[in-house]
Amino acid sequence: MVSSLWGIIANTACAVSLPEKKVSLAEKYKGEKVHESEKDVGTELDAVEVMNRIKPGQQLPSMILKGLNGKSYDVGATRNKAMILSFWASWCDPCRLEAPMLNEMYSKHKHEVDVYGINVTRYDRLEDVQKFSRSLNLEFPILLDEQGALFEQFGGAAFPTHVTIDDHGRVREIIIGMLSERELEDKIEALSKK
């Protein structure tokens, strides 16, 4: 009997935090008079954002991302195999260490599991993304989450972040931080079992 494990795993020892770009509502409207009923809006909006995040067990939504190869990819499209999304940035050292392992796993398991490297271009530069991909001879598709919208739906906390999705399109795990070769292999094997 195989049980499904769904969850969020944080490996913070091997993750790089994102540069802070968000500005709170209080800072944005500093000095302006605020109506009494609007004072706690920032907190309420943060709570709504958290509630709208994709969680393990939920269906992956349809989202079309452009690839470095010029093609468009719908990451939430119906497919007959499992998928791993790996969110990264070119300046992230753990991402650079992990990319060759992802490349090897992709070559070995591409008939059972789709692997997509998703660059969160909002925190990166396109020319650095292209150089990163070329220098490591990455074979798996590199997609561009230009505004970081998909990354934010998964919580968008650090690089790398991995999302495993089963062959029915349901999110199985959200993993923050670098995975070892053995951990990657275990995740792929668990996903490819039907």
N, C-alpha and C. Protein backbone atom coordinates (compact mmCIF):
# COMPACT_ATOMS: atom_id res chain seq x y z
N MET A 1 0.85 -1.19 0.00
CA MET A 1 0.00 0.00 0.00
C MET A 1 0.89 1.24 0.00
N VAL A 2 0.64 2.15 -0.93
CA VAL A 2 1.42 3.38 -1.03
C VAL A 2 0.58 4.53 -0.50
N SER A 3 1.13 5.26 0.45
CA SER A 3 0.39 6.41 0.96
C SER A 3 0.94 7.67 0.31
N SER A 4 0.09 8.63 0.09
CA SER A 4 0.51 9.90 -0.50
C SER A 4 0.91 10.86 0.61
N LEU A 5 2.10 11.38 0.50
CA LEU A 5 2.56 12.38 1.45
C LEU A 5 2.52 13.73 0.76
N TRP A 6 1.88 14.68 1.37
CA TRP A 6 1.74 16.01 0.79
C TRP A 6 2.24 17.00 1.82
N GLY A 7 3.06 17.92 1.42
CA GLY A 7 3.50 18.89 2.40
C GLY A 7 4.52 19.87 1.89
N ILE A 8 4.95 20.69 2.79
CA ILE A 8 5.97 21.68 2.50
C ILE A 8 7.19 21.32 3.32
N ILE A 9 8.32 21.23 2.64
CA ILE A 9 9.56 20.89 3.29
C ILE A 9 10.50 22.07 3.12
N ALA A 10 11.12 22.51 4.19
CA ALA A 10 12.06 23.64 4.10
C ALA A 10 13.46 23.17 4.44
N ASN A 11 14.35 23.31 3.50
CA ASN A 11 15.75 22.99 3.70
C ASN A 11 16.50 24.31 3.66
N THR A 12 16.35 25.10 4.71
CA THR A 12 16.86 26.47 4.70
C THR A 12 18.37 26.55 4.74
N ALA A 13 19.07 25.48 5.10
CA ALA A 13 20.53 25.52 5.10
C ALA A 13 21.06 25.68 3.67
N CYS A 14 20.27 25.29 2.69
CA CYS A 14 20.71 25.33 1.29
C CYS A 14 19.77 26.16 0.45
N ALA A 15 19.30 27.26 0.97
CA ALA A 15 18.40 28.14 0.23
C ALA A 15 18.90 29.57 0.34
N VAL A 16 18.65 30.34 -0.70
CA VAL A 16 19.05 31.74 -0.73
C VAL A 16 17.80 32.59 -0.66
N SER A 17 17.73 33.49 0.32
CA SER A 17 16.58 34.37 0.45
C SER A 17 16.54 35.38 -0.68
N LEU A 18 15.34 35.84 -0.99
CA LEU A 18 15.14 36.79 -2.07
C LEU A 18 15.45 38.20 -1.63
N PRO A 19 15.90 39.02 -2.58
CA PRO A 19 16.05 40.44 -2.25
C PRO A 19 14.66 41.03 -2.01
N GLU A 20 14.53 41.85 -1.01
CA GLU A 20 13.23 42.42 -0.66
C GLU A 20 12.85 43.50 -1.66
N LYS A 21 11.68 43.35 -2.31
CA LYS A 21 11.21 44.35 -3.27
C LYS A 21 9.85 44.91 -2.89
N LYS A 22 9.15 44.22 -2.00
CA LYS A 22 7.81 44.65 -1.65
C LYS A 22 7.85 45.86 -0.73
N VAL A 23 6.92 46.75 -0.91
CA VAL A 23 6.79 47.93 -0.06
C VAL A 23 5.44 47.82 0.63
N SER A 24 5.44 47.98 1.95
CA SER A 24 4.17 47.87 2.67
C SER A 24 3.27 49.05 2.31
N LEU A 25 1.99 48.85 2.52
CA LEU A 25 1.04 49.93 2.24
C LEU A 25 1.32 51.15 3.11
N ALA A 26 1.77 50.91 4.33
CA ALA A 26 2.07 52.02 5.24
C ALA A 26 3.20 52.88 4.67
N GLU A 27 4.23 52.24 4.11
CA GLU A 27 5.34 52.99 3.52
C GLU A 27 4.91 53.69 2.24
N LYS A 28 4.11 53.00 1.44
CA LYS A 28 3.68 53.53 0.15
C LYS A 28 2.88 54.82 0.32
N TYR A 29 2.04 54.88 1.33
CA TYR A 29 1.17 56.03 1.54
C TYR A 29 1.57 56.83 2.78
N LYS A 30 2.84 56.78 3.12
CA LYS A 30 3.36 57.47 4.31
C LYS A 30 3.02 58.96 4.24
N GLY A 31 2.47 59.48 5.31
CA GLY A 31 2.16 60.89 5.38
C GLY A 31 0.75 61.23 4.93
N GLU A 32 0.08 60.30 4.23
CA GLU A 32 -1.28 60.58 3.78
C GLU A 32 -2.26 60.22 4.89
N LYS A 33 -3.34 60.97 4.96
CA LYS A 33 -4.37 60.69 5.95
C LYS A 33 -5.10 59.41 5.56
N VAL A 34 -5.24 58.52 6.52
CA VAL A 34 -5.89 57.23 6.27
C VAL A 34 -7.24 57.23 6.96
N HIS A 35 -8.28 56.81 6.23
CA HIS A 35 -9.62 56.69 6.79
C HIS A 35 -9.59 55.61 7.86
N GLU A 36 -10.33 55.79 8.93
CA GLU A 36 -10.37 54.87 10.06
C GLU A 36 -10.60 53.42 9.64
N SER A 37 -11.48 53.17 8.66
CA SER A 37 -11.82 51.81 8.25
C SER A 37 -10.72 51.16 7.40
N GLU A 38 -9.69 51.93 6.99
CA GLU A 38 -8.65 51.38 6.13
C GLU A 38 -7.34 51.11 6.87
N LYS A 39 -7.29 51.32 8.17
CA LYS A 39 -6.03 51.23 8.89
C LYS A 39 -5.39 49.85 8.85
N ASP A 40 -6.15 48.78 8.87
CA ASP A 40 -5.57 47.44 8.91
C ASP A 40 -5.59 46.75 7.55
N VAL A 41 -5.73 47.50 6.48
CA VAL A 41 -5.83 46.90 5.15
C VAL A 41 -4.60 46.08 4.81
N GLY A 42 -3.39 46.54 5.14
CA GLY A 42 -2.17 45.81 4.82
C GLY A 42 -2.18 44.40 5.39
N THR A 43 -2.59 44.26 6.64
CA THR A 43 -2.65 42.96 7.28
C THR A 43 -3.69 42.08 6.61
N GLU A 44 -4.84 42.64 6.29
CA GLU A 44 -5.89 41.85 5.65
C GLU A 44 -5.46 41.40 4.26
N LEU A 45 -4.79 42.26 3.50
CA LEU A 45 -4.32 41.88 2.18
C LEU A 45 -3.29 40.76 2.27
N ASP A 46 -2.39 40.84 3.26
CA ASP A 46 -1.41 39.78 3.44
C ASP A 46 -2.11 38.45 3.72
N ALA A 47 -3.15 38.46 4.54
CA ALA A 47 -3.89 37.25 4.85
C ALA A 47 -4.58 36.70 3.60
N VAL A 48 -5.12 37.55 2.76
CA VAL A 48 -5.77 37.12 1.52
C VAL A 48 -4.74 36.49 0.60
N GLU A 49 -3.55 37.11 0.49
CA GLU A 49 -2.48 36.56 -0.34
C GLU A 49 -2.11 35.15 0.13
N VAL A 50 -1.99 34.96 1.43
CA VAL A 50 -1.64 33.65 1.97
C VAL A 50 -2.73 32.64 1.66
N MET A 51 -3.99 33.05 1.78
CA MET A 51 -5.11 32.14 1.51
C MET A 51 -5.16 31.74 0.04
N ASN A 52 -4.70 32.60 -0.87
CA ASN A 52 -4.75 32.31 -2.30
C ASN A 52 -3.54 31.54 -2.80
N ARG A 53 -2.61 31.25 -1.94
CA ARG A 53 -1.43 30.49 -2.35
C ARG A 53 -1.81 29.05 -2.65
N ILE A 54 -1.05 28.47 -3.56
CA ILE A 54 -1.26 27.06 -3.91
C ILE A 54 -0.64 26.21 -2.81
N LYS A 55 -1.38 25.24 -2.37
CA LYS A 55 -0.92 24.37 -1.29
C LYS A 55 -0.90 22.92 -1.77
N PRO A 56 -0.12 22.08 -1.10
CA PRO A 56 -0.13 20.66 -1.43
C PRO A 56 -1.55 20.11 -1.40
N GLY A 57 -1.87 19.29 -2.41
CA GLY A 57 -3.21 18.71 -2.53
C GLY A 57 -4.07 19.46 -3.52
N GLN A 58 -3.71 20.70 -3.85
CA GLN A 58 -4.50 21.49 -4.80
C GLN A 58 -4.05 21.22 -6.23
N GLN A 59 -4.95 21.48 -7.15
CA GLN A 59 -4.67 21.36 -8.57
C GLN A 59 -3.77 22.52 -9.01
N LEU A 60 -2.77 22.22 -9.83
CA LEU A 60 -1.91 23.27 -10.37
C LEU A 60 -2.72 24.09 -11.37
N PRO A 61 -2.76 25.40 -11.22
CA PRO A 61 -3.55 26.22 -12.14
C PRO A 61 -2.85 26.34 -13.50
N SER A 62 -3.63 26.65 -14.50
CA SER A 62 -3.08 26.87 -15.84
C SER A 62 -2.35 28.20 -15.83
N MET A 63 -1.11 28.20 -16.29
CA MET A 63 -0.35 29.43 -16.44
C MET A 63 0.64 29.24 -17.58
N ILE A 64 0.58 30.12 -18.54
CA ILE A 64 1.46 30.02 -19.70
C ILE A 64 2.70 30.85 -19.46
N LEU A 65 3.86 30.19 -19.60
CA LEU A 65 5.15 30.84 -19.43
C LEU A 65 5.95 30.69 -20.73
N LYS A 66 6.71 31.71 -21.05
CA LYS A 66 7.56 31.67 -22.23
C LYS A 66 8.85 30.96 -21.88
N GLY A 67 9.34 30.14 -22.80
CA GLY A 67 10.60 29.44 -22.59
C GLY A 67 11.75 30.20 -23.23
N LEU A 68 12.97 29.91 -22.77
CA LEU A 68 14.16 30.50 -23.38
C LEU A 68 14.26 30.12 -24.86
N ASN A 69 13.66 28.98 -25.23
CA ASN A 69 13.68 28.51 -26.61
C ASN A 69 12.64 29.20 -27.49
N GLY A 70 11.88 30.14 -26.92
CA GLY A 70 10.87 30.88 -27.68
C GLY A 70 9.49 30.24 -27.68
N LYS A 71 9.37 29.01 -27.20
CA LYS A 71 8.07 28.33 -27.14
C LYS A 71 7.30 28.78 -25.90
N SER A 72 5.98 28.57 -25.93
CA SER A 72 5.13 28.83 -24.77
C SER A 72 4.76 27.51 -24.12
N TYR A 73 4.74 27.50 -22.80
CA TYR A 73 4.43 26.28 -22.04
C TYR A 73 3.30 26.58 -21.06
N ASP A 74 2.31 25.69 -21.02
CA ASP A 74 1.23 25.80 -20.04
C ASP A 74 1.55 24.80 -18.94
N VAL A 75 2.09 25.30 -17.82
CA VAL A 75 2.52 24.39 -16.76
C VAL A 75 1.35 23.66 -16.09
N GLY A 76 0.16 24.20 -16.19
CA GLY A 76 -1.00 23.56 -15.58
C GLY A 76 -1.81 22.72 -16.54
N ALA A 77 -1.31 22.54 -17.76
CA ALA A 77 -2.06 21.77 -18.77
C ALA A 77 -2.16 20.30 -18.34
N THR A 78 -3.21 19.65 -18.79
CA THR A 78 -3.39 18.23 -18.52
C THR A 78 -2.25 17.46 -19.16
N ARG A 79 -1.67 16.56 -18.41
CA ARG A 79 -0.57 15.76 -18.92
C ARG A 79 -0.69 14.35 -18.38
N ASN A 80 0.04 13.44 -18.96
CA ASN A 80 -0.06 12.04 -18.51
C ASN A 80 1.17 11.61 -17.71
N LYS A 81 1.96 12.57 -17.27
CA LYS A 81 3.09 12.22 -16.42
C LYS A 81 3.30 13.31 -15.36
N ALA A 82 4.05 12.95 -14.35
CA ALA A 82 4.31 13.85 -13.24
C ALA A 82 5.27 14.96 -13.67
N MET A 83 5.46 15.93 -12.78
CA MET A 83 6.27 17.09 -13.15
C MET A 83 6.98 17.64 -11.90
N ILE A 84 8.17 18.18 -12.14
CA ILE A 84 8.90 18.91 -11.11
C ILE A 84 9.16 20.31 -11.65
N LEU A 85 8.76 21.31 -10.88
CA LEU A 85 9.08 22.70 -11.19
C LEU A 85 10.20 23.11 -10.26
N SER A 86 11.26 23.67 -10.82
CA SER A 86 12.38 24.13 -10.00
C SER A 86 12.55 25.62 -10.23
N PHE A 87 12.20 26.43 -9.23
CA PHE A 87 12.32 27.89 -9.32
C PHE A 87 13.74 28.27 -8.92
N TRP A 88 14.38 29.14 -9.71
CA TRP A 88 15.77 29.49 -9.49
C TRP A 88 16.10 30.88 -9.99
N ALA A 89 17.33 31.32 -9.66
CA ALA A 89 17.87 32.57 -10.18
C ALA A 89 19.34 32.33 -10.51
N SER A 90 19.87 33.07 -11.48
CA SER A 90 21.24 32.84 -11.93
C SER A 90 22.29 33.18 -10.87
N TRP A 91 21.97 34.08 -9.94
CA TRP A 91 22.91 34.50 -8.91
C TRP A 91 22.89 33.59 -7.68
N CYS A 92 22.03 32.59 -7.70
CA CYS A 92 21.84 31.69 -6.56
C CYS A 92 22.86 30.55 -6.61
N ASP A 93 23.80 30.53 -5.66
CA ASP A 93 24.83 29.48 -5.64
C ASP A 93 24.25 28.07 -5.46
N PRO A 94 23.29 27.84 -4.54
CA PRO A 94 22.71 26.50 -4.45
C PRO A 94 22.03 26.07 -5.76
N CYS A 95 21.45 27.03 -6.50
CA CYS A 95 20.82 26.71 -7.79
C CYS A 95 21.88 26.23 -8.78
N ARG A 96 23.02 26.89 -8.78
CA ARG A 96 24.13 26.52 -9.68
C ARG A 96 24.65 25.13 -9.33
N LEU A 97 24.74 24.80 -8.06
CA LEU A 97 25.20 23.47 -7.64
C LEU A 97 24.19 22.38 -8.02
N GLU A 98 22.93 22.72 -7.93
CA GLU A 98 21.87 21.74 -8.14
C GLU A 98 21.53 21.51 -9.62
N ALA A 99 21.73 22.52 -10.46
CA ALA A 99 21.32 22.43 -11.87
C ALA A 99 21.90 21.22 -12.60
N PRO A 100 23.19 20.88 -12.44
CA PRO A 100 23.69 19.69 -13.13
C PRO A 100 23.00 18.40 -12.69
N MET A 101 22.62 18.32 -11.41
CA MET A 101 21.89 17.14 -10.92
C MET A 101 20.51 17.07 -11.55
N LEU A 102 19.82 18.23 -11.64
CA LEU A 102 18.51 18.27 -12.29
C LEU A 102 18.65 17.85 -13.76
N ASN A 103 19.71 18.30 -14.40
CA ASN A 103 19.96 17.96 -15.79
C ASN A 103 20.11 16.45 -15.95
N GLU A 104 20.87 15.84 -15.06
CA GLU A 104 21.08 14.39 -15.10
C GLU A 104 19.77 13.64 -14.85
N MET A 105 18.99 14.10 -13.87
CA MET A 105 17.70 13.46 -13.58
C MET A 105 16.75 13.60 -14.76
N TYR A 106 16.77 14.76 -15.40
CA TYR A 106 15.92 14.98 -16.57
C TYR A 106 16.30 13.99 -17.68
N SER A 107 17.59 13.86 -17.96
CA SER A 107 18.04 12.94 -19.01
C SER A 107 17.63 11.50 -18.69
N LYS A 108 17.75 11.14 -17.45
CA LYS A 108 17.47 9.77 -17.02
C LYS A 108 15.97 9.45 -16.96
N HIS A 109 15.13 10.44 -16.59
CA HIS A 109 13.71 10.17 -16.32
C HIS A 109 12.74 10.96 -17.20
N LYS A 110 13.19 11.55 -18.31
CA LYS A 110 12.32 12.44 -19.08
C LYS A 110 11.08 11.77 -19.66
N HIS A 111 11.07 10.45 -19.72
CA HIS A 111 9.88 9.76 -20.23
C HIS A 111 8.83 9.54 -19.15
N GLU A 112 9.23 9.66 -17.88
CA GLU A 112 8.30 9.47 -16.77
C GLU A 112 7.90 10.78 -16.09
N VAL A 113 8.83 11.76 -16.08
CA VAL A 113 8.60 12.99 -15.32
C VAL A 113 9.10 14.18 -16.14
N ASP A 114 8.26 15.21 -16.26
CA ASP A 114 8.69 16.47 -16.88
C ASP A 114 9.43 17.30 -15.85
N VAL A 115 10.52 17.91 -16.25
CA VAL A 115 11.28 18.80 -15.38
C VAL A 115 11.33 20.16 -16.06
N TYR A 116 10.92 21.20 -15.34
CA TYR A 116 11.00 22.57 -15.84
C TYR A 116 11.79 23.42 -14.86
N GLY A 117 12.81 24.08 -15.38
CA GLY A 117 13.54 25.06 -14.60
C GLY A 117 12.87 26.40 -14.82
N ILE A 118 12.34 26.98 -13.77
CA ILE A 118 11.60 28.24 -13.93
C ILE A 118 12.41 29.37 -13.30
N ASN A 119 12.94 30.21 -14.17
CA ASN A 119 13.68 31.37 -13.70
C ASN A 119 12.70 32.46 -13.32
N VAL A 120 12.85 32.97 -12.12
CA VAL A 120 12.00 34.06 -11.66
C VAL A 120 12.70 35.35 -12.09
N THR A 121 12.42 35.75 -13.32
CA THR A 121 13.13 36.83 -13.99
C THR A 121 12.94 38.17 -13.29
N ARG A 122 11.92 38.29 -12.50
CA ARG A 122 11.69 39.50 -11.71
C ARG A 122 12.90 39.80 -10.82
N TYR A 123 13.59 38.75 -10.38
CA TYR A 123 14.75 38.88 -9.50
C TYR A 123 16.06 38.63 -10.23
N ASP A 124 16.05 38.66 -11.55
CA ASP A 124 17.21 38.27 -12.33
C ASP A 124 17.32 39.14 -13.58
N ARG A 125 18.30 38.88 -14.41
CA ARG A 125 18.44 39.56 -15.69
C ARG A 125 18.47 38.49 -16.78
N LEU A 126 17.75 38.73 -17.87
CA LEU A 126 17.62 37.75 -18.94
C LEU A 126 18.97 37.31 -19.48
N GLU A 127 19.90 38.24 -19.67
CA GLU A 127 21.22 37.85 -20.20
C GLU A 127 21.95 36.92 -19.24
N ASP A 128 21.76 37.08 -17.93
CA ASP A 128 22.38 36.18 -16.96
C ASP A 128 21.71 34.81 -16.98
N VAL A 129 20.42 34.79 -17.21
CA VAL A 129 19.67 33.53 -17.32
C VAL A 129 20.18 32.73 -18.51
N GLN A 130 20.34 33.40 -19.65
CA GLN A 130 20.83 32.74 -20.85
C GLN A 130 22.25 32.21 -20.66
N LYS A 131 23.11 33.02 -20.03
CA LYS A 131 24.49 32.61 -19.78
C LYS A 131 24.53 31.40 -18.83
N PHE A 132 23.72 31.44 -17.77
CA PHE A 132 23.63 30.34 -16.80
C PHE A 132 23.24 29.05 -17.50
N SER A 133 22.20 29.12 -18.32
CA SER A 133 21.69 27.94 -19.02
C SER A 133 22.72 27.37 -20.00
N ARG A 134 23.36 28.26 -20.75
CA ARG A 134 24.39 27.81 -21.71
C ARG A 134 25.61 27.22 -21.01
N SER A 135 26.08 27.88 -19.96
CA SER A 135 27.30 27.43 -19.28
C SER A 135 27.15 26.05 -18.66
N LEU A 136 25.93 25.69 -18.27
CA LEU A 136 25.68 24.38 -17.66
C LEU A 136 25.08 23.38 -18.64
N ASN A 137 24.92 23.78 -19.90
CA ASN A 137 24.35 22.91 -20.94
C ASN A 137 23.04 22.26 -20.48
N LEU A 138 22.13 23.07 -19.96
CA LEU A 138 20.87 22.54 -19.44
C LEU A 138 20.00 22.04 -20.58
N GLU A 139 19.52 20.82 -20.44
CA GLU A 139 18.69 20.19 -21.47
C GLU A 139 17.20 20.34 -21.19
N PHE A 140 16.83 20.44 -19.92
CA PHE A 140 15.41 20.57 -19.59
C PHE A 140 14.95 21.99 -19.94
N PRO A 141 13.66 22.15 -20.24
CA PRO A 141 13.16 23.47 -20.63
C PRO A 141 13.34 24.51 -19.52
N ILE A 142 13.82 25.69 -19.91
CA ILE A 142 13.95 26.81 -18.99
C ILE A 142 12.82 27.78 -19.32
N LEU A 143 11.94 28.01 -18.35
CA LEU A 143 10.80 28.90 -18.51
C LEU A 143 11.03 30.18 -17.74
N LEU A 144 10.39 31.24 -18.18
CA LEU A 144 10.56 32.55 -17.55
C LEU A 144 9.29 32.99 -16.84
N ASP A 145 9.36 33.07 -15.53
CA ASP A 145 8.27 33.62 -14.73
C ASP A 145 8.62 35.10 -14.56
N GLU A 146 8.35 35.86 -15.61
CA GLU A 146 8.86 37.23 -15.73
C GLU A 146 8.45 38.15 -14.59
N GLN A 147 7.23 38.05 -14.13
CA GLN A 147 6.76 38.91 -13.04
C GLN A 147 6.80 38.21 -11.68
N GLY A 148 7.15 36.93 -11.68
CA GLY A 148 7.19 36.18 -10.43
C GLY A 148 5.83 35.73 -9.94
N ALA A 149 4.82 35.78 -10.81
CA ALA A 149 3.45 35.47 -10.40
C ALA A 149 3.28 34.02 -9.94
N LEU A 150 3.83 33.07 -10.71
CA LEU A 150 3.69 31.66 -10.32
C LEU A 150 4.50 31.38 -9.06
N PHE A 151 5.70 31.91 -9.00
CA PHE A 151 6.55 31.74 -7.82
C PHE A 151 5.85 32.25 -6.56
N GLU A 152 5.21 33.39 -6.65
CA GLU A 152 4.49 33.96 -5.51
C GLU A 152 3.31 33.09 -5.10
N GLN A 153 2.69 32.42 -6.06
CA GLN A 153 1.56 31.54 -5.72
C GLN A 153 2.01 30.37 -4.85
N PHE A 154 3.30 30.03 -4.92
CA PHE A 154 3.83 28.96 -4.08
C PHE A 154 4.51 29.49 -2.82
N GLY A 155 4.35 30.76 -2.53
CA GLY A 155 4.92 31.34 -1.32
C GLY A 155 6.15 32.17 -1.59
N GLY A 156 6.87 31.91 -2.66
CA GLY A 156 8.00 32.73 -3.10
C GLY A 156 8.95 33.17 -2.02
N ALA A 157 9.54 32.24 -1.27
CA ALA A 157 10.38 32.60 -0.13
C ALA A 157 11.88 32.59 -0.43
N ALA A 158 12.36 31.62 -1.18
CA ALA A 158 13.80 31.47 -1.38
C ALA A 158 14.08 30.64 -2.63
N PHE A 159 15.32 30.71 -3.08
CA PHE A 159 15.79 29.88 -4.20
C PHE A 159 16.79 28.86 -3.68
N PRO A 160 16.79 27.67 -4.21
CA PRO A 160 15.77 27.14 -5.11
C PRO A 160 14.51 26.73 -4.34
N THR A 161 13.41 26.70 -5.03
CA THR A 161 12.16 26.14 -4.52
C THR A 161 11.68 25.13 -5.55
N HIS A 162 11.31 23.95 -5.07
CA HIS A 162 10.85 22.88 -5.97
C HIS A 162 9.40 22.56 -5.66
N VAL A 163 8.67 22.26 -6.70
CA VAL A 163 7.28 21.84 -6.54
C VAL A 163 7.13 20.52 -7.29
N THR A 164 6.66 19.50 -6.58
CA THR A 164 6.40 18.22 -7.24
C THR A 164 4.90 18.12 -7.50
N ILE A 165 4.56 17.66 -8.69
CA ILE A 165 3.16 17.58 -9.14
C ILE A 165 2.93 16.18 -9.69
N ASP A 166 1.85 15.54 -9.24
CA ASP A 166 1.59 14.18 -9.71
C ASP A 166 1.01 14.18 -11.12
N ASP A 167 0.78 12.99 -11.66
CA ASP A 167 0.30 12.88 -13.04
C ASP A 167 -1.15 13.30 -13.21
N HIS A 168 -1.83 13.65 -12.12
CA HIS A 168 -3.21 14.18 -12.19
C HIS A 168 -3.21 15.70 -12.07
N GLY A 169 -2.01 16.31 -11.96
CA GLY A 169 -1.91 17.76 -11.87
C GLY A 169 -2.06 18.33 -10.48
N ARG A 170 -2.01 17.45 -9.45
CA ARG A 170 -2.12 17.92 -8.07
C ARG A 170 -0.73 18.16 -7.49
N VAL A 171 -0.59 19.25 -6.77
CA VAL A 171 0.66 19.56 -6.10
C VAL A 171 0.87 18.57 -4.97
N ARG A 172 2.02 17.92 -4.97
CA ARG A 172 2.34 16.96 -3.91
C ARG A 172 3.16 17.62 -2.80
N GLU A 173 4.24 18.31 -3.19
CA GLU A 173 5.11 18.93 -2.20
C GLU A 173 5.64 20.26 -2.71
N ILE A 174 5.94 21.14 -1.77
CA ILE A 174 6.65 22.38 -2.05
C ILE A 174 7.90 22.30 -1.17
N ILE A 175 9.06 22.29 -1.81
CA ILE A 175 10.32 22.09 -1.10
C ILE A 175 11.18 23.33 -1.27
N ILE A 176 11.50 23.99 -0.17
CA ILE A 176 12.32 25.19 -0.20
C ILE A 176 13.74 24.79 0.14
N GLY A 177 14.65 25.04 -0.78
CA GLY A 177 16.06 24.73 -0.56
C GLY A 177 16.57 23.67 -1.51
N MET A 178 17.87 23.54 -1.54
CA MET A 178 18.55 22.61 -2.44
C MET A 178 18.32 21.17 -2.03
N LEU A 179 18.16 20.31 -3.02
CA LEU A 179 18.02 18.88 -2.78
C LEU A 179 19.30 18.17 -3.19
N SER A 180 19.65 17.12 -2.47
CA SER A 180 20.81 16.30 -2.86
C SER A 180 20.41 15.43 -4.05
N GLU A 181 21.39 14.83 -4.66
CA GLU A 181 21.12 13.93 -5.79
C GLU A 181 20.19 12.79 -5.36
N ARG A 182 20.43 12.22 -4.18
CA ARG A 182 19.60 11.12 -3.68
C ARG A 182 18.17 11.60 -3.42
N GLU A 183 18.02 12.80 -2.84
CA GLU A 183 16.68 13.34 -2.58
C GLU A 183 15.94 13.58 -3.89
N LEU A 184 16.63 14.12 -4.89
CA LEU A 184 16.00 14.33 -6.21
C LEU A 184 15.54 13.00 -6.80
N GLU A 185 16.42 12.02 -6.74
CA GLU A 185 16.09 10.68 -7.26
C GLU A 185 14.87 10.11 -6.55
N ASP A 186 14.83 10.24 -5.21
CA ASP A 186 13.70 9.73 -4.43
C ASP A 186 12.39 10.42 -4.82
N LYS A 187 12.45 11.76 -5.00
CA LYS A 187 11.25 12.51 -5.38
C LYS A 187 10.74 12.05 -6.75
N ILE A 188 11.66 11.89 -7.69
CA ILE A 188 11.27 11.48 -9.04
C ILE A 188 10.72 10.06 -9.03
N GLU A 189 11.34 9.17 -8.29
CA GLU A 189 10.84 7.79 -8.20
C GLU A 189 9.46 7.75 -7.58
N ALA A 190 9.23 8.55 -6.53
CA ALA A 190 7.91 8.60 -5.88
C ALA A 190 6.85 9.14 -6.85
N LEU A 191 7.22 10.13 -7.65
CA LEU A 191 6.27 10.70 -8.60
C LEU A 191 5.96 9.77 -9.75
N SER A 192 6.95 8.99 -10.19
CA SER A 192 6.73 8.16 -11.36
C SER A 192 6.02 6.85 -11.05
N LYS A 193 5.87 6.52 -9.75
CA LYS A 193 5.10 5.34 -9.37
C LYS A 193 3.63 5.62 -9.53
N LYS A 194 2.92 4.72 -10.16
CA LYS A 194 1.47 4.92 -10.37
C LYS A 194 0.66 3.93 -9.58
